[in-house]
Amino acid sequence: MDRKDLINKWLLDDLNEEETIAFNELEDASFFDEIISDAKFFKASDFSEMPEYTDFKKRIPSSPRKERSFSLPLPFLRIASIMIVAFGLYYFLVYDTNTVLETAVVEKSDLLLPDDTRVVLNSESKISFSEKHWSSKRDIELQGEAFFDVAKGSRFDVRTPVGMVSVLGTEFNVKHRNNILEVSCFEGKVLVTYGNETKILEQGDNFRFANEEVLSGKHSFDAPQWTENKSYFERIPVSEVFSEIERQFGVSIQLDNINENQFFTGGFDHSDLEEALLAVTQPLDIDYEILKQKIVRLSTRE
């Protein structure tokens, strides 16, 4: 009789003498016996009667009644015990909840991962990763934008719905918003995977993947400008610039007859909303009006 049949008959308490000997010779027989042994100690918690209920019982006549007792069949007890232990093993050994770190609008966060990798989250961004498996798999999911100063060690992956960035130890920035992936390398090299393609970036390289089109460029910064409370753009649709103003200042921008696809090159400081609006609208001949309740209206200059 094979192992599976022996265990099934053991669960049903249907082993004969010869089969019992064979079952006890199984490598994990002691484990199953321990389950049954531990299950015998499961019991309900102690119960205390309220004094009012005790007095009430004394005032009513009592009549003799037959005491009844019951016990669960051993096969059922065995199966239930194994299910309890199996669930416990799954919960503690398999089930793993990712750590999630995120920022709201007008908020940035500078933090350290378990391996001392530094991550700076831009406004309205989120990362998630498994602390439990971090030592063997440095893998992060990103929504939004983050700068990474990666501690040297095993491969480090940043995943987005559009593509993935892989490194061993370096400094780089990843931005994923509105199905657009942007990567900038500030130290070392990074590998960008998008669709079935890959591209290696070196220090000073920019990469942008949008609408199935790849754009490459250069930068001369030591770190992303947003980590110094500035935003810089090079030939970017102005709609993305407006969205960044909304994130950095917590405002809502209303557009009145504005061409959102026109390109913008320039930047703005995160310290003053009006100065930021001037920096973006002046070159594009756009008028702005700051209304109540953090609403900004933009219109084409007449």
C-alpha atoms as a PDB file:
ATOM      1  CA  MET A   1       0.000   0.000   0.000  1.00  0.00           C
ATOM      2  CA  ASP A   2       1.424   3.393  -0.949  1.00  0.00           C
ATOM      3  CA  ARG A   3       1.887   6.367   1.361  1.00  0.00           C
ATOM      4  CA  LYS A   4      -1.245   8.209   0.209  1.00  0.00           C
ATOM      5  CA  ASP A   5      -3.510   5.209   0.852  1.00  0.00           C
ATOM      6  CA  LEU A   6      -1.969   4.656   4.288  1.00  0.00           C
ATOM      7  CA  ILE A   7      -2.644   8.268   5.298  1.00  0.00           C
ATOM      8  CA  ASN A   8      -6.222   8.112   4.006  1.00  0.00           C
ATOM      9  CA  LYS A   9      -6.930   4.941   6.003  1.00  0.00           C
ATOM     10  CA  TRP A  10      -5.246   6.493   9.049  1.00  0.00           C
ATOM     11  CA  LEU A  11      -7.579   9.502   8.779  1.00  0.00           C
ATOM     12  CA  LEU A  12     -10.543   7.100   8.777  1.00  0.00           C
ATOM     13  CA  ASP A  13      -9.074   5.098  11.680  1.00  0.00           C
ATOM     14  CA  ASP A  14      -9.244   2.006   9.468  1.00  0.00           C
ATOM     15  CA  LEU A  15      -5.695   0.636   9.643  1.00  0.00           C
ATOM     16  CA  ASN A  16      -5.195  -3.043  10.436  1.00  0.00           C
ATOM     17  CA  GLU A  17      -2.202  -4.238  12.449  1.00  0.00           C
ATOM     18  CA  GLU A  18       0.076  -4.680   9.438  1.00  0.00           C
ATOM     19  CA  GLU A  19      -0.929  -1.309   7.977  1.00  0.00           C
ATOM     20  CA  THR A  20      -0.408   0.398  11.339  1.00  0.00           C
ATOM     21  CA  ILE A  21       3.186  -0.852  11.403  1.00  0.00           C
ATOM     22  CA  ALA A  22       3.705   0.450   7.858  1.00  0.00           C
ATOM     23  CA  PHE A  23       2.164   3.814   8.751  1.00  0.00           C
ATOM     24  CA  ASN A  24       4.389   4.221  11.819  1.00  0.00           C
ATOM     25  CA  GLU A  25       7.411   3.686   9.589  1.00  0.00           C
ATOM     26  CA  LEU A  26       6.495   6.705   7.466  1.00  0.00           C
ATOM     27  CA  GLU A  27       8.915   9.594   7.788  1.00  0.00           C
ATOM     28  CA  ASP A  28       6.206  12.036   8.908  1.00  0.00           C
ATOM     29  CA  ALA A  29       4.122   9.646  11.049  1.00  0.00           C
ATOM     30  CA  SER A  30       5.215  11.373  14.254  1.00  0.00           C
ATOM     31  CA  PHE A  31       4.062  14.696  12.826  1.00  0.00           C
ATOM     32  CA  PHE A  32       0.523  13.380  12.254  1.00  0.00           C
ATOM     33  CA  ASP A  33       0.436  11.844  15.729  1.00  0.00           C
ATOM     34  CA  GLU A  34       1.451  15.173  17.272  1.00  0.00           C
ATOM     35  CA  ILE A  35      -1.448  16.870  15.497  1.00  0.00           C
ATOM     36  CA  ILE A  36      -3.934  14.476  17.076  1.00  0.00           C
ATOM     37  CA  SER A  37      -2.247  14.744  20.453  1.00  0.00           C
ATOM     38  CA  ASP A  38      -2.395  18.544  20.424  1.00  0.00           C
ATOM     39  CA  ALA A  39      -6.011  18.559  19.265  1.00  0.00           C
ATOM     40  CA  LYS A  40      -7.077  16.706  22.410  1.00  0.00           C
ATOM     41  CA  PHE A  41      -6.215  19.796  24.462  1.00  0.00           C
ATOM     42  CA  PHE A  42      -8.587  22.106  22.545  1.00  0.00           C
ATOM     43  CA  LYS A  43     -11.454  23.054  24.876  1.00  0.00           C
ATOM     44  CA  ALA A  44     -13.875  25.885  25.519  1.00  0.00           C
ATOM     45  CA  SER A  45     -12.903  28.645  27.912  1.00  0.00           C
ATOM     46  CA  ASP A  46     -14.130  28.547  31.526  1.00  0.00           C
ATOM     47  CA  PHE A  47     -17.636  29.964  32.036  1.00  0.00           C
ATOM     48  CA  SER A  48     -18.837  31.927  35.050  1.00  0.00           C
ATOM     49  CA  GLU A  49     -22.527  32.421  35.799  1.00  0.00           C
ATOM     50  CA  MET A  50     -23.861  35.847  36.700  1.00  0.00           C
ATOM     51  CA  PRO A  51     -25.118  36.047  40.357  1.00  0.00           C
ATOM     52  CA  GLU A  52     -28.623  37.110  39.189  1.00  0.00           C
ATOM     53  CA  TYR A  53     -28.946  33.981  37.082  1.00  0.00           C
ATOM     54  CA  THR A  54     -27.821  31.784  40.006  1.00  0.00           C
ATOM     55  CA  ASP A  55     -30.541  33.275  42.259  1.00  0.00           C
ATOM     56  CA  PHE A  56     -33.125  32.778  39.553  1.00  0.00           C
ATOM     57  CA  LYS A  57     -32.280  29.071  39.265  1.00  0.00           C
ATOM     58  CA  LYS A  58     -32.759  28.630  43.028  1.00  0.00           C
ATOM     59  CA  ARG A  59     -36.308  30.002  42.835  1.00  0.00           C
ATOM     60  CA  ILE A  60     -37.618  27.594  40.194  1.00  0.00           C
ATOM     61  CA  PRO A  61     -38.328  23.892  40.769  1.00  0.00           C
ATOM     62  CA  SER A  62     -35.851  21.534  39.289  1.00  0.00           C
ATOM     63  CA  SER A  63     -36.606  18.235  37.649  1.00  0.00           C
ATOM     64  CA  PRO A  64     -34.218  15.415  37.058  1.00  0.00           C
ATOM     65  CA  ARG A  65     -32.920  15.117  33.519  1.00  0.00           C
ATOM     66  CA  LYS A  66     -30.694  12.736  31.748  1.00  0.00           C
ATOM     67  CA  GLU A  67     -27.127  13.806  31.219  1.00  0.00           C
ATOM     68  CA  ARG A  68     -26.004  13.592  27.621  1.00  0.00           C
ATOM     69  CA  SER A  69     -22.511  13.623  26.294  1.00  0.00           C
ATOM     70  CA  PHE A  70     -21.014  13.343  22.857  1.00  0.00           C
ATOM     71  CA  SER A  71     -17.619  13.144  21.300  1.00  0.00           C
ATOM     72  CA  LEU A  72     -16.401  13.737  17.782  1.00  0.00           C
ATOM     73  CA  PRO A  73     -15.461  10.658  15.773  1.00  0.00           C
ATOM     74  CA  LEU A  74     -11.712  10.152  15.647  1.00  0.00           C
ATOM     75  CA  PRO A  75     -11.541  10.356  11.824  1.00  0.00           C
ATOM     76  CA  PHE A  76     -13.267  13.750  11.912  1.00  0.00           C
ATOM     77  CA  LEU A  77     -10.942  14.936  14.670  1.00  0.00           C
ATOM     78  CA  ARG A  78      -7.903  13.889  12.666  1.00  0.00           C
ATOM     79  CA  ILE A  79      -9.051  15.650   9.500  1.00  0.00           C
ATOM     80  CA  ALA A  80     -10.063  18.811  11.374  1.00  0.00           C
ATOM     81  CA  SER A  81      -6.753  18.902  13.234  1.00  0.00           C
ATOM     82  CA  ILE A  82      -4.728  18.618  10.044  1.00  0.00           C
ATOM     83  CA  MET A  83      -6.804  21.378   8.452  1.00  0.00           C
ATOM     84  CA  ILE A  84      -6.122  23.664  11.429  1.00  0.00           C
ATOM     85  CA  VAL A  85      -2.389  23.023  11.330  1.00  0.00           C
ATOM     86  CA  ALA A  86      -2.270  23.351   7.540  1.00  0.00           C
ATOM     87  CA  PHE A  87      -3.989  26.725   7.727  1.00  0.00           C
ATOM     88  CA  GLY A  88      -1.534  27.856  10.387  1.00  0.00           C
ATOM     89  CA  LEU A  89       1.436  26.783   8.296  1.00  0.00           C
ATOM     90  CA  TYR A  90       0.033  28.605   5.272  1.00  0.00           C
ATOM     91  CA  TYR A  91      -0.573  31.792   7.232  1.00  0.00           C
ATOM     92  CA  PHE A  92       2.833  31.958   8.889  1.00  0.00           C
ATOM     93  CA  LEU A  93       5.030  30.457   6.144  1.00  0.00           C
ATOM     94  CA  VAL A  94       3.312  31.353   2.870  1.00  0.00           C
ATOM     95  CA  TYR A  95       1.035  34.328   3.380  1.00  0.00           C
ATOM     96  CA  ASP A  96       3.012  37.516   2.928  1.00  0.00           C
ATOM     97  CA  THR A  97       1.659  41.049   2.961  1.00  0.00           C
ATOM     98  CA  ASN A  98       3.744  43.611   1.116  1.00  0.00           C
ATOM     99  CA  THR A  99       4.937  46.762   2.823  1.00  0.00           C
ATOM    100  CA  VAL A 100       3.379  49.823   1.189  1.00  0.00           C
ATOM    101  CA  LEU A 101       4.817  53.342   1.488  1.00  0.00           C
ATOM    102  CA  GLU A 102       3.119  56.287  -0.165  1.00  0.00           C
ATOM    103  CA  THR A 103       2.914  60.066  -0.271  1.00  0.00           C
ATOM    104  CA  ALA A 104      -0.030  62.403  -0.746  1.00  0.00           C
ATOM    105  CA  VAL A 105      -0.144  65.585  -2.819  1.00  0.00           C
ATOM    106  CA  VAL A 106       2.217  68.349  -1.623  1.00  0.00           C
ATOM    107  CA  GLU A 107       4.252  65.695   0.199  1.00  0.00           C
ATOM    108  CA  LYS A 108       7.634  64.064  -0.329  1.00  0.00           C
ATOM    109  CA  SER A 109       9.254  61.317   1.723  1.00  0.00           C
ATOM    110  CA  ASP A 110      12.893  60.299   2.236  1.00  0.00           C
ATOM    111  CA  LEU A 111      13.246  56.750   3.575  1.00  0.00           C
ATOM    112  CA  LEU A 112      15.544  53.731   3.862  1.00  0.00           C
ATOM    113  CA  LEU A 113      14.803  50.180   2.734  1.00  0.00           C
ATOM    114  CA  PRO A 114      15.951  47.104   4.745  1.00  0.00           C
ATOM    115  CA  ASP A 115      19.327  47.017   2.906  1.00  0.00           C
ATOM    116  CA  ASP A 116      19.936  50.769   3.488  1.00  0.00           C
ATOM    117  CA  THR A 117      18.936  51.653  -0.059  1.00  0.00           C
ATOM    118  CA  ARG A 118      17.693  55.234  -0.007  1.00  0.00           C
ATOM    119  CA  VAL A 119      14.375  56.045  -1.663  1.00  0.00           C
ATOM    120  CA  VAL A 120      12.914  59.522  -2.070  1.00  0.00           C
ATOM    121  CA  LEU A 121       9.231  59.516  -3.031  1.00  0.00           C
ATOM    122  CA  ASN A 122       7.826  62.434  -4.983  1.00  0.00           C
ATOM    123  CA  SER A 123       4.314  63.741  -4.346  1.00  0.00           C
ATOM    124  CA  GLU A 124       1.418  61.332  -4.890  1.00  0.00           C
ATOM    125  CA  SER A 125       3.644  58.277  -5.320  1.00  0.00           C
ATOM    126  CA  LYS A 126       3.707  54.760  -3.889  1.00  0.00           C
ATOM    127  CA  ILE A 127       6.087  51.819  -3.594  1.00  0.00           C
ATOM    128  CA  SER A 128       5.417  48.301  -2.337  1.00  0.00           C
ATOM    129  CA  PHE A 129       7.825  45.465  -1.534  1.00  0.00           C
ATOM    130  CA  SER A 130       8.198  42.308   0.543  1.00  0.00           C
ATOM    131  CA  GLU A 131      10.275  42.812   3.685  1.00  0.00           C
ATOM    132  CA  LYS A 132      10.089  39.068   4.317  1.00  0.00           C
ATOM    133  CA  HIS A 133      11.850  38.168   1.058  1.00  0.00           C
ATOM    134  CA  TRP A 134      13.928  41.328   0.683  1.00  0.00           C
ATOM    135  CA  SER A 135      17.289  39.720   1.489  1.00  0.00           C
ATOM    136  CA  SER A 136      16.872  37.270  -1.403  1.00  0.00           C
ATOM    137  CA  LYS A 137      14.843  39.385  -3.833  1.00  0.00           C
ATOM    138  CA  ARG A 138      15.180  43.157  -3.977  1.00  0.00           C
ATOM    139  CA  ASP A 139      12.023  43.900  -5.935  1.00  0.00           C
ATOM    140  CA  ILE A 140       9.841  47.027  -5.786  1.00  0.00           C
ATOM    141  CA  GLU A 141       6.606  48.029  -7.467  1.00  0.00           C
ATOM    142  CA  LEU A 142       6.319  51.756  -8.186  1.00  0.00           C
ATOM    143  CA  GLN A 143       3.408  54.030  -8.937  1.00  0.00           C
ATOM    144  CA  GLY A 144       4.381  57.652  -9.431  1.00  0.00           C
ATOM    145  CA  GLU A 145       7.966  58.878  -9.146  1.00  0.00           C
ATOM    146  CA  ALA A 146      10.934  57.978  -6.953  1.00  0.00           C
ATOM    147  CA  PHE A 147      14.684  58.485  -6.768  1.00  0.00           C
ATOM    148  CA  PHE A 148      16.762  55.445  -5.751  1.00  0.00           C
ATOM    149  CA  ASP A 149      20.270  55.383  -4.286  1.00  0.00           C
ATOM    150  CA  VAL A 150      20.752  51.615  -4.316  1.00  0.00           C
ATOM    151  CA  ALA A 151      23.035  49.866  -1.821  1.00  0.00           C
ATOM    152  CA  LYS A 152      25.428  47.467  -3.514  1.00  0.00           C
ATOM    153  CA  GLY A 153      24.354  43.845  -3.500  1.00  0.00           C
ATOM    154  CA  SER A 154      22.142  41.547  -5.515  1.00  0.00           C
ATOM    155  CA  ARG A 155      20.012  42.663  -8.447  1.00  0.00           C
ATOM    156  CA  PHE A 156      17.567  45.469  -7.649  1.00  0.00           C
ATOM    157  CA  ASP A 157      14.355  45.721  -9.720  1.00  0.00           C
ATOM    158  CA  VAL A 158      11.839  48.551  -9.941  1.00  0.00           C
ATOM    159  CA  ARG A 159       8.654  47.443 -11.696  1.00  0.00           C
ATOM    160  CA  THR A 160       5.977  49.619 -13.291  1.00  0.00           C
ATOM    161  CA  PRO A 161       3.024  48.648 -15.497  1.00  0.00           C
ATOM    162  CA  VAL A 162       4.967  49.930 -18.526  1.00  0.00           C
ATOM    163  CA  GLY A 163       8.486  48.618 -17.889  1.00  0.00           C
ATOM    164  CA  MET A 164      11.149  47.575 -15.402  1.00  0.00           C
ATOM    165  CA  VAL A 165      14.487  49.054 -14.311  1.00  0.00           C
ATOM    166  CA  SER A 166      17.238  46.711 -13.054  1.00  0.00           C
ATOM    167  CA  VAL A 167      20.536  47.593 -11.362  1.00  0.00           C
ATOM    168  CA  LEU A 168      23.142  46.225  -8.953  1.00  0.00           C
ATOM    169  CA  GLY A 169      24.171  49.429  -7.195  1.00  0.00           C
ATOM    170  CA  THR A 170      23.654  52.930  -8.556  1.00  0.00           C
ATOM    171  CA  GLU A 171      21.564  56.122  -8.454  1.00  0.00           C
ATOM    172  CA  PHE A 172      18.594  56.622 -10.745  1.00  0.00           C
ATOM    173  CA  ASN A 173      15.127  58.138 -10.997  1.00  0.00           C
ATOM    174  CA  VAL A 174      12.002  56.336 -12.217  1.00  0.00           C
ATOM    175  CA  LYS A 175       8.742  58.052 -13.088  1.00  0.00           C
ATOM    176  CA  HIS A 176       5.557  56.301 -14.177  1.00  0.00           C
ATOM    177  CA  ARG A 177       2.437  58.373 -14.645  1.00  0.00           C
ATOM    178  CA  ASN A 178      -0.396  58.113 -17.187  1.00  0.00           C
ATOM    179  CA  ASN A 179       1.170  55.048 -18.803  1.00  0.00           C
ATOM    180  CA  ILE A 180       4.415  56.945 -19.502  1.00  0.00           C
ATOM    181  CA  LEU A 181       7.777  55.651 -18.241  1.00  0.00           C
ATOM    182  CA  GLU A 182      10.747  57.963 -17.654  1.00  0.00           C
ATOM    183  CA  VAL A 183      14.152  56.900 -16.322  1.00  0.00           C
ATOM    184  CA  SER A 184      17.219  59.034 -15.579  1.00  0.00           C
ATOM    185  CA  CYS A 185      20.606  57.616 -14.549  1.00  0.00           C
ATOM    186  CA  PHE A 186      22.767  59.638 -12.153  1.00  0.00           C
ATOM    187  CA  GLU A 187      25.481  57.099 -11.327  1.00  0.00           C
ATOM    188  CA  GLY A 188      26.594  53.725 -12.704  1.00  0.00           C
ATOM    189  CA  LYS A 189      24.400  51.928 -15.235  1.00  0.00           C
ATOM    190  CA  VAL A 190      20.779  50.794 -15.328  1.00  0.00           C
ATOM    191  CA  LEU A 191      18.929  48.347 -17.556  1.00  0.00           C
ATOM    192  CA  VAL A 192      15.467  49.390 -18.729  1.00  0.00           C
ATOM    193  CA  THR A 193      13.082  46.691 -19.968  1.00  0.00           C
ATOM    194  CA  TYR A 194       9.976  47.807 -21.860  1.00  0.00           C
ATOM    195  CA  GLY A 195       7.839  45.388 -23.833  1.00  0.00           C
ATOM    196  CA  ASN A 196      10.252  43.033 -25.596  1.00  0.00           C
ATOM    197  CA  GLU A 197      13.033  45.626 -25.738  1.00  0.00           C
ATOM    198  CA  THR A 198      15.878  46.600 -23.412  1.00  0.00           C
ATOM    199  CA  LYS A 199      18.113  49.638 -23.156  1.00  0.00           C
ATOM    200  CA  ILE A 200      21.191  50.344 -21.036  1.00  0.00           C
ATOM    201  CA  LEU A 201      21.478  53.842 -19.561  1.00  0.00           C
ATOM    202  CA  GLU A 202      24.713  55.345 -18.277  1.00  0.00           C
ATOM    203  CA  GLN A 203      25.335  58.363 -16.075  1.00  0.00           C
ATOM    204  CA  GLY A 204      23.706  61.438 -17.621  1.00  0.00           C
ATOM    205  CA  ASP A 205      21.229  59.510 -19.799  1.00  0.00           C
ATOM    206  CA  ASN A 206      17.486  60.161 -19.928  1.00  0.00           C
ATOM    207  CA  PHE A 207      14.904  57.680 -21.252  1.00  0.00           C
ATOM    208  CA  ARG A 208      11.219  58.190 -22.012  1.00  0.00           C
ATOM    209  CA  PHE A 209       8.731  55.612 -23.317  1.00  0.00           C
ATOM    210  CA  ALA A 210       5.315  56.981 -24.283  1.00  0.00           C
ATOM    211  CA  ASN A 211       2.740  55.879 -26.843  1.00  0.00           C
ATOM    212  CA  GLU A 212       5.059  53.091 -28.060  1.00  0.00           C
ATOM    213  CA  GLU A 213       7.732  55.699 -28.840  1.00  0.00           C
ATOM    214  CA  VAL A 214      11.193  55.914 -27.260  1.00  0.00           C
ATOM    215  CA  LEU A 215      12.908  59.253 -26.679  1.00  0.00           C
ATOM    216  CA  SER A 216      16.498  59.489 -25.428  1.00  0.00           C
ATOM    217  CA  GLY A 217      18.284  62.531 -24.045  1.00  0.00           C
ATOM    218  CA  LYS A 218      20.969  63.845 -21.716  1.00  0.00           C
ATOM    219  CA  HIS A 219      21.061  65.707 -18.414  1.00  0.00           C
ATOM    220  CA  SER A 220      23.794  67.330 -16.331  1.00  0.00           C
ATOM    221  CA  PHE A 221      22.225  67.105 -12.871  1.00  0.00           C
ATOM    222  CA  ASP A 222      23.670  65.281  -9.849  1.00  0.00           C
ATOM    223  CA  ALA A 223      20.179  64.340  -8.618  1.00  0.00           C
ATOM    224  CA  PRO A 224      16.576  64.789  -9.783  1.00  0.00           C
ATOM    225  CA  GLN A 225      15.535  68.435  -9.555  1.00  0.00           C
ATOM    226  CA  TRP A 226      12.338  67.552  -7.687  1.00  0.00           C
ATOM    227  CA  THR A 227      14.417  66.288  -4.726  1.00  0.00           C
ATOM    228  CA  GLU A 228      15.559  69.924  -4.403  1.00  0.00           C
ATOM    229  CA  ASN A 229      11.964  71.204  -4.656  1.00  0.00           C
ATOM    230  CA  LYS A 230      12.212  72.136  -8.318  1.00  0.00           C
ATOM    231  CA  SER A 231      10.680  70.587 -11.419  1.00  0.00           C
ATOM    232  CA  TYR A 232      12.362  70.668 -14.805  1.00  0.00           C
ATOM    233  CA  PHE A 233      10.947  69.527 -18.151  1.00  0.00           C
ATOM    234  CA  GLU A 234      12.417  69.211 -21.621  1.00  0.00           C
ATOM    235  CA  ARG A 235      10.014  69.175 -24.550  1.00  0.00           C
ATOM    236  CA  ILE A 236       7.139  67.674 -22.569  1.00  0.00           C
ATOM    237  CA  PRO A 237       3.398  68.076 -23.315  1.00  0.00           C
ATOM    238  CA  VAL A 238       2.214  70.930 -21.124  1.00  0.00           C
ATOM    239  CA  SER A 239      -0.606  68.757 -19.734  1.00  0.00           C
ATOM    240  CA  GLU A 240       2.036  66.814 -17.769  1.00  0.00           C
ATOM    241  CA  VAL A 241       3.449  70.080 -16.434  1.00  0.00           C
ATOM    242  CA  PHE A 242       0.004  71.181 -15.242  1.00  0.00           C
ATOM    243  CA  SER A 243      -0.457  67.818 -13.494  1.00  0.00           C
ATOM    244  CA  GLU A 244       2.848  68.270 -11.668  1.00  0.00           C
ATOM    245  CA  ILE A 245       1.786  71.735 -10.469  1.00  0.00           C
ATOM    246  CA  GLU A 246      -1.405  70.160  -9.099  1.00  0.00           C
ATOM    247  CA  ARG A 247       0.632  67.541  -7.219  1.00  0.00           C
ATOM    248  CA  GLN A 248       3.187  69.940  -5.771  1.00  0.00           C
ATOM    249  CA  PHE A 249       0.719  72.627  -4.641  1.00  0.00           C
ATOM    250  CA  GLY A 250      -2.482  70.660  -3.999  1.00  0.00           C
ATOM    251  CA  VAL A 251      -4.546  72.700  -6.455  1.00  0.00           C
ATOM    252  CA  SER A 252      -6.990  71.825  -9.217  1.00  0.00           C
ATOM    253  CA  ILE A 253      -6.311  73.367 -12.635  1.00  0.00           C
ATOM    254  CA  GLN A 254      -9.184  74.153 -15.001  1.00  0.00           C
ATOM    255  CA  LEU A 255      -8.317  74.633 -18.681  1.00  0.00           C
ATOM    256  CA  ASP A 256     -10.209  77.024 -20.931  1.00  0.00           C
ATOM    257  CA  ASN A 257      -9.375  76.553 -24.616  1.00  0.00           C
ATOM    258  CA  ILE A 258      -5.797  75.411 -23.915  1.00  0.00           C
ATOM    259  CA  ASN A 259      -3.825  73.174 -26.269  1.00  0.00           C
ATOM    260  CA  GLU A 260      -2.689  70.494 -23.809  1.00  0.00           C
ATOM    261  CA  ASN A 261      -0.397  68.845 -26.354  1.00  0.00           C
ATOM    262  CA  GLN A 262       1.882  71.831 -26.947  1.00  0.00           C
ATOM    263  CA  PHE A 263       5.423  71.196 -25.739  1.00  0.00           C
ATOM    264  CA  PHE A 264       7.078  72.944 -22.825  1.00  0.00           C
ATOM    265  CA  THR A 265      10.737  73.244 -21.875  1.00  0.00           C
ATOM    266  CA  GLY A 266      11.547  74.879 -18.556  1.00  0.00           C
ATOM    267  CA  GLY A 267      10.771  74.476 -14.891  1.00  0.00           C
ATOM    268  CA  PHE A 268       9.262  75.876 -11.725  1.00  0.00           C
ATOM    269  CA  ASP A 269      10.048  76.107  -8.010  1.00  0.00           C
ATOM    270  CA  HIS A 270       7.850  74.291  -5.481  1.00  0.00           C
ATOM    271  CA  SER A 271       7.894  77.092  -2.922  1.00  0.00           C
ATOM    272  CA  ASP A 272       5.455  79.579  -4.496  1.00  0.00           C
ATOM    273  CA  LEU A 273       2.355  78.782  -6.567  1.00  0.00           C
ATOM    274  CA  GLU A 274       2.124  82.138  -8.330  1.00  0.00           C
ATOM    275  CA  GLU A 275       5.786  82.087  -9.353  1.00  0.00           C
ATOM    276  CA  ALA A 276       5.349  78.534 -10.637  1.00  0.00           C
ATOM    277  CA  LEU A 277       2.335  79.556 -12.717  1.00  0.00           C
ATOM    278  CA  LEU A 278       4.219  82.523 -14.158  1.00  0.00           C
ATOM    279  CA  ALA A 279       7.183  80.331 -15.107  1.00  0.00           C
ATOM    280  CA  VAL A 280       4.944  77.970 -17.092  1.00  0.00           C
ATOM    281  CA  THR A 281       2.266  80.261 -18.524  1.00  0.00           C
ATOM    282  CA  GLN A 282       4.387  83.223 -19.666  1.00  0.00           C
ATOM    283  CA  PRO A 283       6.342  81.350 -22.388  1.00  0.00           C
ATOM    284  CA  LEU A 284       3.098  79.811 -23.699  1.00  0.00           C
ATOM    285  CA  ASP A 285       1.016  83.027 -23.745  1.00  0.00           C
ATOM    286  CA  ILE A 286      -1.444  81.664 -21.206  1.00  0.00           C
ATOM    287  CA  ASP A 287      -3.324  83.723 -18.616  1.00  0.00           C
ATOM    288  CA  TYR A 288      -3.973  82.337 -15.143  1.00  0.00           C
ATOM    289  CA  GLU A 289      -6.406  83.169 -12.357  1.00  0.00           C
ATOM    290  CA  ILE A 290      -6.199  81.795  -8.815  1.00  0.00           C
ATOM    291  CA  LEU A 291      -9.715  81.224  -7.502  1.00  0.00           C
ATOM    292  CA  LYS A 292     -11.012  80.155  -4.109  1.00  0.00           C
ATOM    293  CA  GLN A 293     -10.863  76.556  -2.837  1.00  0.00           C
ATOM    294  CA  LYS A 294      -7.465  75.967  -4.472  1.00  0.00           C
ATOM    295  CA  ILE A 295      -8.725  76.205  -8.036  1.00  0.00           C
ATOM    296  CA  VAL A 296      -6.614  77.703 -10.830  1.00  0.00           C
ATOM    297  CA  ARG A 297      -8.158  78.663 -14.163  1.00  0.00           C
ATOM    298  CA  LEU A 298      -5.950  78.854 -17.260  1.00  0.00           C
ATOM    299  CA  SER A 299      -7.016  80.433 -20.536  1.00  0.00           C
ATOM    300  CA  THR A 300      -5.402  81.359 -23.838  1.00  0.00           C
ATOM    301  CA  ARG A 301      -4.170  84.955 -23.840  1.00  0.00           C
ATOM    302  CA  GLU A 302      -6.159  87.171 -26.187  1.00  0.00           C
END
